[in-house]
């Protein structure tokens, strides 16, 4: 999965995936949410 940063809204937006299925038109994860947010905050692989 690829998430891209939306700094204006302080969130990561799902742009492309193979393997995830999600409901709705759009999925986003806050910079302070979950493991994906942790990788974004620390700028380190996990």
ModelCIF file with pLDDT and N, C-alpha, C, O atoms, coordinates in Angstrom:
data_MODEL
#
_entry.id   MODEL 
#
_entity.id                         1 
_entity.type                       polymer 
_entity.pdbx_number_of_molecules   1 
#
_entity_poly.entity_id                      1 
_entity_poly.type                           'polypeptide(L)' 
_entity_poly.nstd_linkage                   no 
_entity_poly.nstd_monomer                   no 
_entity_poly.pdbx_seq_one_letter_code       
;(UNK)(UNK)(UNK)(UNK)(UNK)(UNK)(UNK)(UNK)(UNK)(UNK)(UNK)(UNK)(UNK)(UNK)(UNK)(UNK)
(UNK)(UNK)(UNK)(UNK)(UNK)(UNK)(UNK)(UNK)(UNK)(UNK)(UNK)(UNK)(UNK)(UNK)(UNK)(UNK)
(UNK)(UNK)(UNK)(UNK)(UNK)(UNK)(UNK)(UNK)(UNK)(UNK)(UNK)(UNK)(UNK)(UNK)
;
_entity_poly.pdbx_seq_one_letter_code_can   XXXXXXXXXXXXXXXXXXXXXXXXXXXXXXXXXXXXXXXXXXXXXX 
_entity_poly.pdbx_strand_id                 A 
#
loop_
_entity_poly_seq.entity_id 
_entity_poly_seq.num 
_entity_poly_seq.mon_id 
_entity_poly_seq.hetero 
1 1  UNK n 
1 2  UNK n 
1 3  UNK n 
1 4  UNK n 
1 5  UNK n 
1 6  UNK n 
1 7  UNK n 
1 8  UNK n 
1 9  UNK n 
1 10 UNK n 
1 11 UNK n 
1 12 UNK n 
1 13 UNK n 
1 14 UNK n 
1 15 UNK n 
1 16 UNK n 
1 17 UNK n 
1 18 UNK n 
1 19 UNK n 
1 20 UNK n 
1 21 UNK n 
1 22 UNK n 
1 23 UNK n 
1 24 UNK n 
1 25 UNK n 
1 26 UNK n 
1 27 UNK n 
1 28 UNK n 
1 29 UNK n 
1 30 UNK n 
1 31 UNK n 
1 32 UNK n 
1 33 UNK n 
1 34 UNK n 
1 35 UNK n 
1 36 UNK n 
1 37 UNK n 
1 38 UNK n 
1 39 UNK n 
1 40 UNK n 
1 41 UNK n 
1 42 UNK n 
1 43 UNK n 
1 44 UNK n 
1 45 UNK n 
1 46 UNK n 
#
_struct_asym.id          A 
_struct_asym.entity_id   1 
#
loop_
_ma_qa_metric.id 
_ma_qa_metric.mode 
_ma_qa_metric.name 
_ma_qa_metric.software_group_id 
_ma_qa_metric.type 
1 global pLDDT . pLDDT 
2 local  pLDDT . pLDDT 
#
_ma_qa_metric_global.metric_id      1 
_ma_qa_metric_global.metric_value   86.24 
_ma_qa_metric_global.model_id       1 
_ma_qa_metric_global.ordinal_id     1 
#
loop_
_ma_qa_metric_local.label_asym_id 
_ma_qa_metric_local.label_comp_id 
_ma_qa_metric_local.label_seq_id 
_ma_qa_metric_local.metric_id 
_ma_qa_metric_local.metric_value 
_ma_qa_metric_local.model_id 
_ma_qa_metric_local.ordinal_id 
A UNK 1  2 94.00 1 1  
A UNK 2  2 94.00 1 2  
A UNK 3  2 93.00 1 3  
A UNK 4  2 92.00 1 4  
A UNK 5  2 90.00 1 5  
A UNK 6  2 86.00 1 6  
A UNK 7  2 79.00 1 7  
A UNK 8  2 72.00 1 8  
A UNK 9  2 79.00 1 9  
A UNK 10 2 86.00 1 10 
A UNK 11 2 90.00 1 11 
A UNK 12 2 90.00 1 12 
A UNK 13 2 89.00 1 13 
A UNK 14 2 90.00 1 14 
A UNK 15 2 89.00 1 15 
A UNK 16 2 90.00 1 16 
A UNK 17 2 90.00 1 17 
A UNK 18 2 90.00 1 18 
A UNK 19 2 86.00 1 19 
A UNK 20 2 84.00 1 20 
A UNK 21 2 76.00 1 21 
A UNK 22 2 67.00 1 22 
A UNK 23 2 57.00 1 23 
A UNK 24 2 56.00 1 24 
A UNK 25 2 55.00 1 25 
A UNK 26 2 66.00 1 26 
A UNK 27 2 78.00 1 27 
A UNK 28 2 84.00 1 28 
A UNK 29 2 90.00 1 29 
A UNK 30 2 90.00 1 30 
A UNK 31 2 92.00 1 31 
A UNK 32 2 91.00 1 32 
A UNK 33 2 91.00 1 33 
A UNK 34 2 92.00 1 34 
A UNK 35 2 94.00 1 35 
A UNK 36 2 94.00 1 36 
A UNK 37 2 94.00 1 37 
A UNK 38 2 95.00 1 38 
A UNK 39 2 95.00 1 39 
A UNK 40 2 95.00 1 40 
A UNK 41 2 93.00 1 41 
A UNK 42 2 93.00 1 42 
A UNK 43 2 92.00 1 43 
A UNK 44 2 93.00 1 44 
A UNK 45 2 95.00 1 45 
A UNK 46 2 96.00 1 46 
#
loop_
_atom_site.group_PDB 
_atom_site.id 
_atom_site.type_symbol 
_atom_site.label_atom_id 
_atom_site.label_alt_id 
_atom_site.label_comp_id 
_atom_site.label_asym_id 
_atom_site.label_entity_id 
_atom_site.label_seq_id 
_atom_site.pdbx_PDB_ins_code 
_atom_site.Cartn_x 
_atom_site.Cartn_y 
_atom_site.Cartn_z 
_atom_site.occupancy 
_atom_site.B_iso_or_equiv 
_atom_site.pdbx_formal_charge 
_atom_site.auth_seq_id 
_atom_site.auth_comp_id 
_atom_site.auth_asym_id 
_atom_site.auth_atom_id 
_atom_site.pdbx_PDB_model_num 
ATOM 1   N N  . UNK A 1 1  ? 0.838   -1.204 0.000  1.00 94.00 ? 1  UNK A N  1 
ATOM 2   C CA . UNK A 1 1  ? 0.000   0.000  0.000  1.00 94.00 ? 1  UNK A CA 1 
ATOM 3   C C  . UNK A 1 1  ? 0.869   1.248  0.000  1.00 94.00 ? 1  UNK A C  1 
ATOM 4   O O  . UNK A 1 1  ? 1.913   1.296  0.650  1.00 94.00 ? 1  UNK A O  1 
ATOM 5   N N  . UNK A 1 2  ? 0.419   2.261  -0.741 1.00 94.00 ? 2  UNK A N  1 
ATOM 6   C CA . UNK A 1 2  ? 1.103   3.557  -0.758 1.00 94.00 ? 2  UNK A CA 1 
ATOM 7   C C  . UNK A 1 2  ? 0.174   4.602  -0.147 1.00 94.00 ? 2  UNK A C  1 
ATOM 8   O O  . UNK A 1 2  ? -0.963  4.777  -0.584 1.00 94.00 ? 2  UNK A O  1 
ATOM 9   N N  . UNK A 1 3  ? 0.680   5.288  0.866  1.00 93.00 ? 3  UNK A N  1 
ATOM 10  C CA . UNK A 1 3  ? -0.024  6.426  1.463  1.00 93.00 ? 3  UNK A CA 1 
ATOM 11  C C  . UNK A 1 3  ? 0.786   7.688  1.155  1.00 93.00 ? 3  UNK A C  1 
ATOM 12  O O  . UNK A 1 3  ? 2.014   7.671  1.239  1.00 93.00 ? 3  UNK A O  1 
ATOM 13  N N  . UNK A 1 4  ? 0.110   8.772  0.803  1.00 92.00 ? 4  UNK A N  1 
ATOM 14  C CA . UNK A 1 4  ? 0.802   10.045 0.578  1.00 92.00 ? 4  UNK A CA 1 
ATOM 15  C C  . UNK A 1 4  ? 0.385   11.070 1.624  1.00 92.00 ? 4  UNK A C  1 
ATOM 16  O O  . UNK A 1 4  ? -0.742  11.061 2.120  1.00 92.00 ? 4  UNK A O  1 
ATOM 17  N N  . UNK A 1 5  ? 1.326   11.952 1.946  1.00 90.00 ? 5  UNK A N  1 
ATOM 18  C CA . UNK A 1 5  ? 1.118   12.930 3.014  1.00 90.00 ? 5  UNK A CA 1 
ATOM 19  C C  . UNK A 1 5  ? 0.274   14.103 2.539  1.00 90.00 ? 5  UNK A C  1 
ATOM 20  O O  . UNK A 1 5  ? 0.552   14.707 1.503  1.00 90.00 ? 5  UNK A O  1 
ATOM 21  N N  . UNK A 1 6  ? -0.750  14.412 3.305  1.00 86.00 ? 6  UNK A N  1 
ATOM 22  C CA . UNK A 1 6  ? -1.516  15.637 3.112  1.00 86.00 ? 6  UNK A CA 1 
ATOM 23  C C  . UNK A 1 6  ? -1.205  16.524 4.320  1.00 86.00 ? 6  UNK A C  1 
ATOM 24  O O  . UNK A 1 6  ? -1.879  16.455 5.347  1.00 86.00 ? 6  UNK A O  1 
ATOM 25  N N  . UNK A 1 7  ? -0.174  17.355 4.177  1.00 79.00 ? 7  UNK A N  1 
ATOM 26  C CA . UNK A 1 7  ? 0.282   18.156 5.315  1.00 79.00 ? 7  UNK A CA 1 
ATOM 27  C C  . UNK A 1 7  ? -0.752  19.203 5.725  1.00 79.00 ? 7  UNK A C  1 
ATOM 28  O O  . UNK A 1 7  ? -0.826  19.601 6.888  1.00 79.00 ? 7  UNK A O  1 
ATOM 29  N N  . UNK A 1 8  ? -1.541  19.637 4.756  1.00 72.00 ? 8  UNK A N  1 
ATOM 30  C CA . UNK A 1 8  ? -2.555  20.631 5.070  1.00 72.00 ? 8  UNK A CA 1 
ATOM 31  C C  . UNK A 1 8  ? -3.574  20.075 6.059  1.00 72.00 ? 8  UNK A C  1 
ATOM 32  O O  . UNK A 1 8  ? -4.032  20.781 6.956  1.00 72.00 ? 8  UNK A O  1 
ATOM 33  N N  . UNK A 1 9  ? -3.924  18.795 5.884  1.00 79.00 ? 9  UNK A N  1 
ATOM 34  C CA . UNK A 1 9  ? -4.918  18.171 6.757  1.00 79.00 ? 9  UNK A CA 1 
ATOM 35  C C  . UNK A 1 9  ? -4.288  17.219 7.773  1.00 79.00 ? 9  UNK A C  1 
ATOM 36  O O  . UNK A 1 9  ? -4.992  16.527 8.509  1.00 79.00 ? 9  UNK A O  1 
ATOM 37  N N  . UNK A 1 10 ? -2.945  17.192 7.804  1.00 86.00 ? 10 UNK A N  1 
ATOM 38  C CA . UNK A 1 10 ? -2.221  16.390 8.800  1.00 86.00 ? 10 UNK A CA 1 
ATOM 39  C C  . UNK A 1 10 ? -2.661  14.925 8.779  1.00 86.00 ? 10 UNK A C  1 
ATOM 40  O O  . UNK A 1 10 ? -2.991  14.334 9.807  1.00 86.00 ? 10 UNK A O  1 
ATOM 41  N N  . UNK A 1 11 ? -2.651  14.363 7.569  1.00 90.00 ? 11 UNK A N  1 
ATOM 42  C CA . UNK A 1 11 ? -3.063  12.970 7.466  1.00 90.00 ? 11 UNK A CA 1 
ATOM 43  C C  . UNK A 1 11 ? -2.390  12.300 6.267  1.00 90.00 ? 11 UNK A C  1 
ATOM 44  O O  . UNK A 1 11 ? -1.877  12.967 5.368  1.00 90.00 ? 11 UNK A O  1 
ATOM 45  N N  . UNK A 1 12 ? -2.403  10.958 6.277  1.00 90.00 ? 12 UNK A N  1 
ATOM 46  C CA . UNK A 1 12 ? -1.891  10.152 5.169  1.00 90.00 ? 12 UNK A CA 1 
ATOM 47  C C  . UNK A 1 12 ? -3.075  9.595  4.399  1.00 90.00 ? 12 UNK A C  1 
ATOM 48  O O  . UNK A 1 12 ? -3.995  9.027  4.987  1.00 90.00 ? 12 UNK A O  1 
ATOM 49  N N  . UNK A 1 13 ? -3.052  9.758  3.089  1.00 89.00 ? 13 UNK A N  1 
ATOM 50  C CA . UNK A 1 13 ? -4.177  9.311  2.274  1.00 89.00 ? 13 UNK A CA 1 
ATOM 51  C C  . UNK A 1 13 ? -3.758  8.119  1.420  1.00 89.00 ? 13 UNK A C  1 
ATOM 52  O O  . UNK A 1 13 ? -2.712  8.140  0.772  1.00 89.00 ? 13 UNK A O  1 
ATOM 53  N N  . UNK A 1 14 ? -4.581  7.091  1.431  1.00 90.00 ? 14 UNK A N  1 
ATOM 54  C CA . UNK A 1 14 ? -4.307  5.884  0.661  1.00 90.00 ? 14 UNK A CA 1 
ATOM 55  C C  . UNK A 1 14 ? -4.462  6.190  -0.830 1.00 90.00 ? 14 UNK A C  1 
ATOM 56  O O  . UNK A 1 14 ? -5.514  6.643  -1.280 1.00 90.00 ? 14 UNK A O  1 
ATOM 57  N N  . UNK A 1 15 ? -3.386  5.930  -1.586 1.00 89.00 ? 15 UNK A N  1 
ATOM 58  C CA . UNK A 1 15 ? -3.390  6.265  -3.011 1.00 89.00 ? 15 UNK A CA 1 
ATOM 59  C C  . UNK A 1 15 ? -3.424  5.036  -3.909 1.00 89.00 ? 15 UNK A C  1 
ATOM 60  O O  . UNK A 1 15 ? -3.988  5.075  -5.002 1.00 89.00 ? 15 UNK A O  1 
ATOM 61  N N  . UNK A 1 16 ? -2.816  3.936  -3.443 1.00 90.00 ? 16 UNK A N  1 
ATOM 62  C CA . UNK A 1 16 ? -2.804  2.710  -4.247 1.00 90.00 ? 16 UNK A CA 1 
ATOM 63  C C  . UNK A 1 16 ? -2.581  1.524  -3.318 1.00 90.00 ? 16 UNK A C  1 
ATOM 64  O O  . UNK A 1 16 ? -1.820  1.622  -2.356 1.00 90.00 ? 16 UNK A O  1 
ATOM 65  N N  . UNK A 1 17 ? -3.240  0.405  -3.601 1.00 90.00 ? 17 UNK A N  1 
ATOM 66  C CA . UNK A 1 17 ? -3.059  -0.778 -2.758 1.00 90.00 ? 17 UNK A CA 1 
ATOM 67  C C  . UNK A 1 17 ? -3.336  -2.058 -3.540 1.00 90.00 ? 17 UNK A C  1 
ATOM 68  O O  . UNK A 1 17 ? -4.163  -2.088 -4.451 1.00 90.00 ? 17 UNK A O  1 
ATOM 69  N N  . UNK A 1 18 ? -2.638  -3.087 -3.168 1.00 90.00 ? 18 UNK A N  1 
ATOM 70  C CA . UNK A 1 18 ? -2.987  -4.450 -3.568 1.00 90.00 ? 18 UNK A CA 1 
ATOM 71  C C  . UNK A 1 18 ? -3.106  -5.245 -2.273 1.00 90.00 ? 18 UNK A C  1 
ATOM 72  O O  . UNK A 1 18 ? -2.121  -5.408 -1.552 1.00 90.00 ? 18 UNK A O  1 
ATOM 73  N N  . UNK A 1 19 ? -4.277  -5.730 -1.980 1.00 86.00 ? 19 UNK A N  1 
ATOM 74  C CA . UNK A 1 19 ? -4.458  -6.548 -0.790 1.00 86.00 ? 19 UNK A CA 1 
ATOM 75  C C  . UNK A 1 19 ? -5.413  -5.973 0.222  1.00 86.00 ? 19 UNK A C  1 
ATOM 76  O O  . UNK A 1 19 ? -5.981  -6.719 1.020  1.00 86.00 ? 19 UNK A O  1 
ATOM 77  N N  . UNK A 1 20 ? -5.612  -4.662 0.217  1.00 84.00 ? 20 UNK A N  1 
ATOM 78  C CA . UNK A 1 20 ? -6.558  -4.058 1.146  1.00 84.00 ? 20 UNK A CA 1 
ATOM 79  C C  . UNK A 1 20 ? -7.878  -3.810 0.428  1.00 84.00 ? 20 UNK A C  1 
ATOM 80  O O  . UNK A 1 20 ? -7.910  -3.438 -0.745 1.00 84.00 ? 20 UNK A O  1 
ATOM 81  N N  . UNK A 1 21 ? -8.944  -4.020 1.148  1.00 76.00 ? 21 UNK A N  1 
ATOM 82  C CA . UNK A 1 21 ? -10.264 -3.645 0.646  1.00 76.00 ? 21 UNK A CA 1 
ATOM 83  C C  . UNK A 1 21 ? -10.886 -2.746 1.691  1.00 76.00 ? 21 UNK A C  1 
ATOM 84  O O  . UNK A 1 21 ? -10.889 -3.063 2.881  1.00 76.00 ? 21 UNK A O  1 
ATOM 85  N N  . UNK A 1 22 ? -11.413 -1.622 1.239  1.00 67.00 ? 22 UNK A N  1 
ATOM 86  C CA . UNK A 1 22 ? -11.976 -0.707 2.242  1.00 67.00 ? 22 UNK A CA 1 
ATOM 87  C C  . UNK A 1 22 ? -13.273 -0.110 1.725  1.00 67.00 ? 22 UNK A C  1 
ATOM 88  O O  . UNK A 1 22 ? -13.487 0.017  0.519  1.00 67.00 ? 22 UNK A O  1 
ATOM 89  N N  . UNK A 1 23 ? -14.128 0.250  2.664  1.00 57.00 ? 23 UNK A N  1 
ATOM 90  C CA . UNK A 1 23 ? -15.422 0.828  2.321  1.00 57.00 ? 23 UNK A CA 1 
ATOM 91  C C  . UNK A 1 23 ? -15.291 2.335  2.161  1.00 57.00 ? 23 UNK A C  1 
ATOM 92  O O  . UNK A 1 23 ? -14.395 2.949  2.740  1.00 57.00 ? 23 UNK A O  1 
ATOM 93  N N  . UNK A 1 24 ? -16.171 2.923  1.384  1.00 56.00 ? 24 UNK A N  1 
ATOM 94  C CA . UNK A 1 24 ? -16.133 4.370  1.178  1.00 56.00 ? 24 UNK A CA 1 
ATOM 95  C C  . UNK A 1 24 ? -15.247 4.735  -0.002 1.00 56.00 ? 24 UNK A C  1 
ATOM 96  O O  . UNK A 1 24 ? -14.564 3.889  -0.579 1.00 56.00 ? 24 UNK A O  1 
ATOM 97  N N  . UNK A 1 25 ? -15.279 6.032  -0.348 1.00 55.00 ? 25 UNK A N  1 
ATOM 98  C CA . UNK A 1 25 ? -14.521 6.513  -1.499 1.00 55.00 ? 25 UNK A CA 1 
ATOM 99  C C  . UNK A 1 25 ? -13.075 6.843  -1.158 1.00 55.00 ? 25 UNK A C  1 
ATOM 100 O O  . UNK A 1 25 ? -12.232 6.917  -2.052 1.00 55.00 ? 25 UNK A O  1 
ATOM 101 N N  . UNK A 1 26 ? -12.780 7.038  0.109  1.00 66.00 ? 26 UNK A N  1 
ATOM 102 C CA . UNK A 1 26 ? -11.466 7.538  0.475  1.00 66.00 ? 26 UNK A CA 1 
ATOM 103 C C  . UNK A 1 26 ? -11.076 7.015  1.849  1.00 66.00 ? 26 UNK A C  1 
ATOM 104 O O  . UNK A 1 26 ? -11.925 6.879  2.730  1.00 66.00 ? 26 UNK A O  1 
ATOM 105 N N  . UNK A 1 27 ? -9.800  6.723  2.031  1.00 78.00 ? 27 UNK A N  1 
ATOM 106 C CA . UNK A 1 27 ? -9.335  6.310  3.336  1.00 78.00 ? 27 UNK A CA 1 
ATOM 107 C C  . UNK A 1 27 ? -8.124  7.142  3.722  1.00 78.00 ? 27 UNK A C  1 
ATOM 108 O O  . UNK A 1 27 ? -7.227  7.359  2.907  1.00 78.00 ? 27 UNK A O  1 
ATOM 109 N N  . UNK A 1 28 ? -8.099  7.604  4.955  1.00 84.00 ? 28 UNK A N  1 
ATOM 110 C CA . UNK A 1 28 ? -6.955  8.373  5.419  1.00 84.00 ? 28 UNK A CA 1 
ATOM 111 C C  . UNK A 1 28 ? -6.636  8.026  6.858  1.00 84.00 ? 28 UNK A C  1 
ATOM 112 O O  . UNK A 1 28 ? -7.506  7.629  7.634  1.00 84.00 ? 28 UNK A O  1 
ATOM 113 N N  . UNK A 1 29 ? -5.349  8.188  7.199  1.00 90.00 ? 29 UNK A N  1 
ATOM 114 C CA . UNK A 1 29 ? -4.845  7.898  8.539  1.00 90.00 ? 29 UNK A CA 1 
ATOM 115 C C  . UNK A 1 29 ? -4.146  9.150  9.056  1.00 90.00 ? 29 UNK A C  1 
ATOM 116 O O  . UNK A 1 29 ? -3.288  9.707  8.372  1.00 90.00 ? 29 UNK A O  1 
ATOM 117 N N  . UNK A 1 30 ? -4.497  9.586  10.229 1.00 90.00 ? 30 UNK A N  1 
ATOM 118 C CA . UNK A 1 30 ? -3.872  10.771 10.801 1.00 90.00 ? 30 UNK A CA 1 
ATOM 119 C C  . UNK A 1 30 ? -2.388  10.563 11.064 1.00 90.00 ? 30 UNK A C  1 
ATOM 120 O O  . UNK A 1 30 ? -1.948  9.439  11.306 1.00 90.00 ? 30 UNK A O  1 
ATOM 121 N N  . UNK A 1 31 ? -1.623  11.634 11.018 1.00 92.00 ? 31 UNK A N  1 
ATOM 122 C CA . UNK A 1 31 ? -0.186  11.544 11.269 1.00 92.00 ? 31 UNK A CA 1 
ATOM 123 C C  . UNK A 1 31 ? 0.112   10.926 12.639 1.00 92.00 ? 31 UNK A C  1 
ATOM 124 O O  . UNK A 1 31 ? 1.193   10.374 12.846 1.00 92.00 ? 31 UNK A O  1 
ATOM 125 N N  . UNK A 1 32 ? -0.825  11.015 13.561 1.00 91.00 ? 32 UNK A N  1 
ATOM 126 C CA . UNK A 1 32 ? -0.606  10.495 14.913 1.00 91.00 ? 32 UNK A CA 1 
ATOM 127 C C  . UNK A 1 32 ? -1.298  9.163  15.154 1.00 91.00 ? 32 UNK A C  1 
ATOM 128 O O  . UNK A 1 32 ? -1.429  8.726  16.297 1.00 91.00 ? 32 UNK A O  1 
ATOM 129 N N  . UNK A 1 33 ? -1.746  8.507  14.065 1.00 91.00 ? 33 UNK A N  1 
ATOM 130 C CA . UNK A 1 33 ? -2.525  7.281  14.216 1.00 91.00 ? 33 UNK A CA 1 
ATOM 131 C C  . UNK A 1 33 ? -1.763  6.063  13.707 1.00 91.00 ? 33 UNK A C  1 
ATOM 132 O O  . UNK A 1 33 ? -1.169  6.092  12.629 1.00 91.00 ? 33 UNK A O  1 
ATOM 133 N N  . UNK A 1 34 ? -1.790  5.007  14.490 1.00 92.00 ? 34 UNK A N  1 
ATOM 134 C CA . UNK A 1 34 ? -1.343  3.704  14.036 1.00 92.00 ? 34 UNK A CA 1 
ATOM 135 C C  . UNK A 1 34 ? 0.129   3.601  13.670 1.00 92.00 ? 34 UNK A C  1 
ATOM 136 O O  . UNK A 1 34 ? 0.914   4.528  13.871 1.00 92.00 ? 34 UNK A O  1 
ATOM 137 N N  . UNK A 1 35 ? 0.474   2.434  13.123 1.00 94.00 ? 35 UNK A N  1 
ATOM 138 C CA . UNK A 1 35 ? 1.860   2.160  12.748 1.00 94.00 ? 35 UNK A CA 1 
ATOM 139 C C  . UNK A 1 35 ? 2.292   2.975  11.535 1.00 94.00 ? 35 UNK A C  1 
ATOM 140 O O  . UNK A 1 35 ? 3.449   3.387  11.446 1.00 94.00 ? 35 UNK A O  1 
ATOM 141 N N  . UNK A 1 36 ? 1.380   3.210  10.610 1.00 94.00 ? 36 UNK A N  1 
ATOM 142 C CA . UNK A 1 36 ? 1.708   4.019  9.432  1.00 94.00 ? 36 UNK A CA 1 
ATOM 143 C C  . UNK A 1 36 ? 2.021   5.448  9.861  1.00 94.00 ? 36 UNK A C  1 
ATOM 144 O O  . UNK A 1 36 ? 2.967   6.058  9.363  1.00 94.00 ? 36 UNK A O  1 
ATOM 145 N N  . UNK A 1 37 ? 1.223   5.980  10.786 1.00 94.00 ? 37 UNK A N  1 
ATOM 146 C CA . UNK A 1 37 ? 1.493   7.312  11.311 1.00 94.00 ? 37 UNK A CA 1 
ATOM 147 C C  . UNK A 1 37 ? 2.822   7.368  12.046 1.00 94.00 ? 37 UNK A C  1 
ATOM 148 O O  . UNK A 1 37 ? 3.537   8.368  11.974 1.00 94.00 ? 37 UNK A O  1 
ATOM 149 N N  . UNK A 1 38 ? 3.157   6.273  12.767 1.00 95.00 ? 38 UNK A N  1 
ATOM 150 C CA . UNK A 1 38 ? 4.432   6.205  13.491 1.00 95.00 ? 38 UNK A CA 1 
ATOM 151 C C  . UNK A 1 38 ? 5.615   6.289  12.529 1.00 95.00 ? 38 UNK A C  1 
ATOM 152 O O  . UNK A 1 38 ? 6.590   6.990  12.800 1.00 95.00 ? 38 UNK A O  1 
ATOM 153 N N  . UNK A 1 39 ? 5.529   5.584  11.422 1.00 95.00 ? 39 UNK A N  1 
ATOM 154 C CA . UNK A 1 39 ? 6.605   5.622  10.419 1.00 95.00 ? 39 UNK A CA 1 
ATOM 155 C C  . UNK A 1 39 ? 6.750   7.032  9.852  1.00 95.00 ? 39 UNK A C  1 
ATOM 156 O O  . UNK A 1 39 ? 7.861   7.511  9.625  1.00 95.00 ? 39 UNK A O  1 
ATOM 157 N N  . UNK A 1 40 ? 5.614   7.688  9.628  1.00 95.00 ? 40 UNK A N  1 
ATOM 158 C CA . UNK A 1 40 ? 5.657   9.053  9.107  1.00 95.00 ? 40 UNK A CA 1 
ATOM 159 C C  . UNK A 1 40 ? 6.294   9.998  10.122 1.00 95.00 ? 40 UNK A C  1 
ATOM 160 O O  . UNK A 1 40 ? 7.108   10.843 9.751  1.00 95.00 ? 40 UNK A O  1 
ATOM 161 N N  . UNK A 1 41 ? 5.934   9.865  11.396 1.00 93.00 ? 41 UNK A N  1 
ATOM 162 C CA . UNK A 1 41 ? 6.444   10.768 12.433 1.00 93.00 ? 41 UNK A CA 1 
ATOM 163 C C  . UNK A 1 41 ? 7.938   10.574 12.683 1.00 93.00 ? 41 UNK A C  1 
ATOM 164 O O  . UNK A 1 41 ? 8.671   11.547 12.859 1.00 93.00 ? 41 UNK A O  1 
ATOM 165 N N  . UNK A 1 42 ? 8.386   9.331  12.701 1.00 93.00 ? 42 UNK A N  1 
ATOM 166 C CA . UNK A 1 42 ? 9.788   9.040  13.035 1.00 93.00 ? 42 UNK A CA 1 
ATOM 167 C C  . UNK A 1 42 ? 10.700  9.092  11.819 1.00 93.00 ? 42 UNK A C  1 
ATOM 168 O O  . UNK A 1 42 ? 11.919  9.205  11.946 1.00 93.00 ? 42 UNK A O  1 
ATOM 169 N N  . UNK A 1 43 ? 10.085  9.008  10.622 1.00 92.00 ? 43 UNK A N  1 
ATOM 170 C CA . UNK A 1 43 ? 10.854  8.996  9.367  1.00 92.00 ? 43 UNK A CA 1 
ATOM 171 C C  . UNK A 1 43 ? 11.843  7.830  9.349  1.00 92.00 ? 43 UNK A C  1 
ATOM 172 O O  . UNK A 1 43 ? 12.945  7.949  8.815  1.00 92.00 ? 43 UNK A O  1 
ATOM 173 N N  . UNK A 1 44 ? 11.436  6.699  9.942  1.00 93.00 ? 44 UNK A N  1 
ATOM 174 C CA . UNK A 1 44 ? 12.294  5.511  9.984  1.00 93.00 ? 44 UNK A CA 1 
ATOM 175 C C  . UNK A 1 44 ? 11.481  4.287  9.549  1.00 93.00 ? 44 UNK A C  1 
ATOM 176 O O  . UNK A 1 44 ? 10.270  4.235  9.762  1.00 93.00 ? 44 UNK A O  1 
ATOM 177 N N  . UNK A 1 45 ? 12.155  3.302  8.937  1.00 95.00 ? 45 UNK A N  1 
ATOM 178 C CA . UNK A 1 45 ? 11.460  2.052  8.608  1.00 95.00 ? 45 UNK A CA 1 
ATOM 179 C C  . UNK A 1 45 ? 11.002  1.344  9.880  1.00 95.00 ? 45 UNK A C  1 
ATOM 180 O O  . UNK A 1 45 ? 11.603  1.501  10.942 1.00 95.00 ? 45 UNK A O  1 
ATOM 181 N N  . UNK A 1 46 ? 9.947   0.578  9.758  1.00 96.00 ? 46 UNK A N  1 
ATOM 182 C CA . UNK A 1 46 ? 9.416   -0.189 10.890 1.00 96.00 ? 46 UNK A CA 1 
ATOM 183 C C  . UNK A 1 46 ? 9.129   -1.610 10.412 1.00 96.00 ? 46 UNK A C  1 
ATOM 184 O O  . UNK A 1 46 ? 8.673   -2.444 11.194 1.00 96.00 ? 46 UNK A O  1 
#
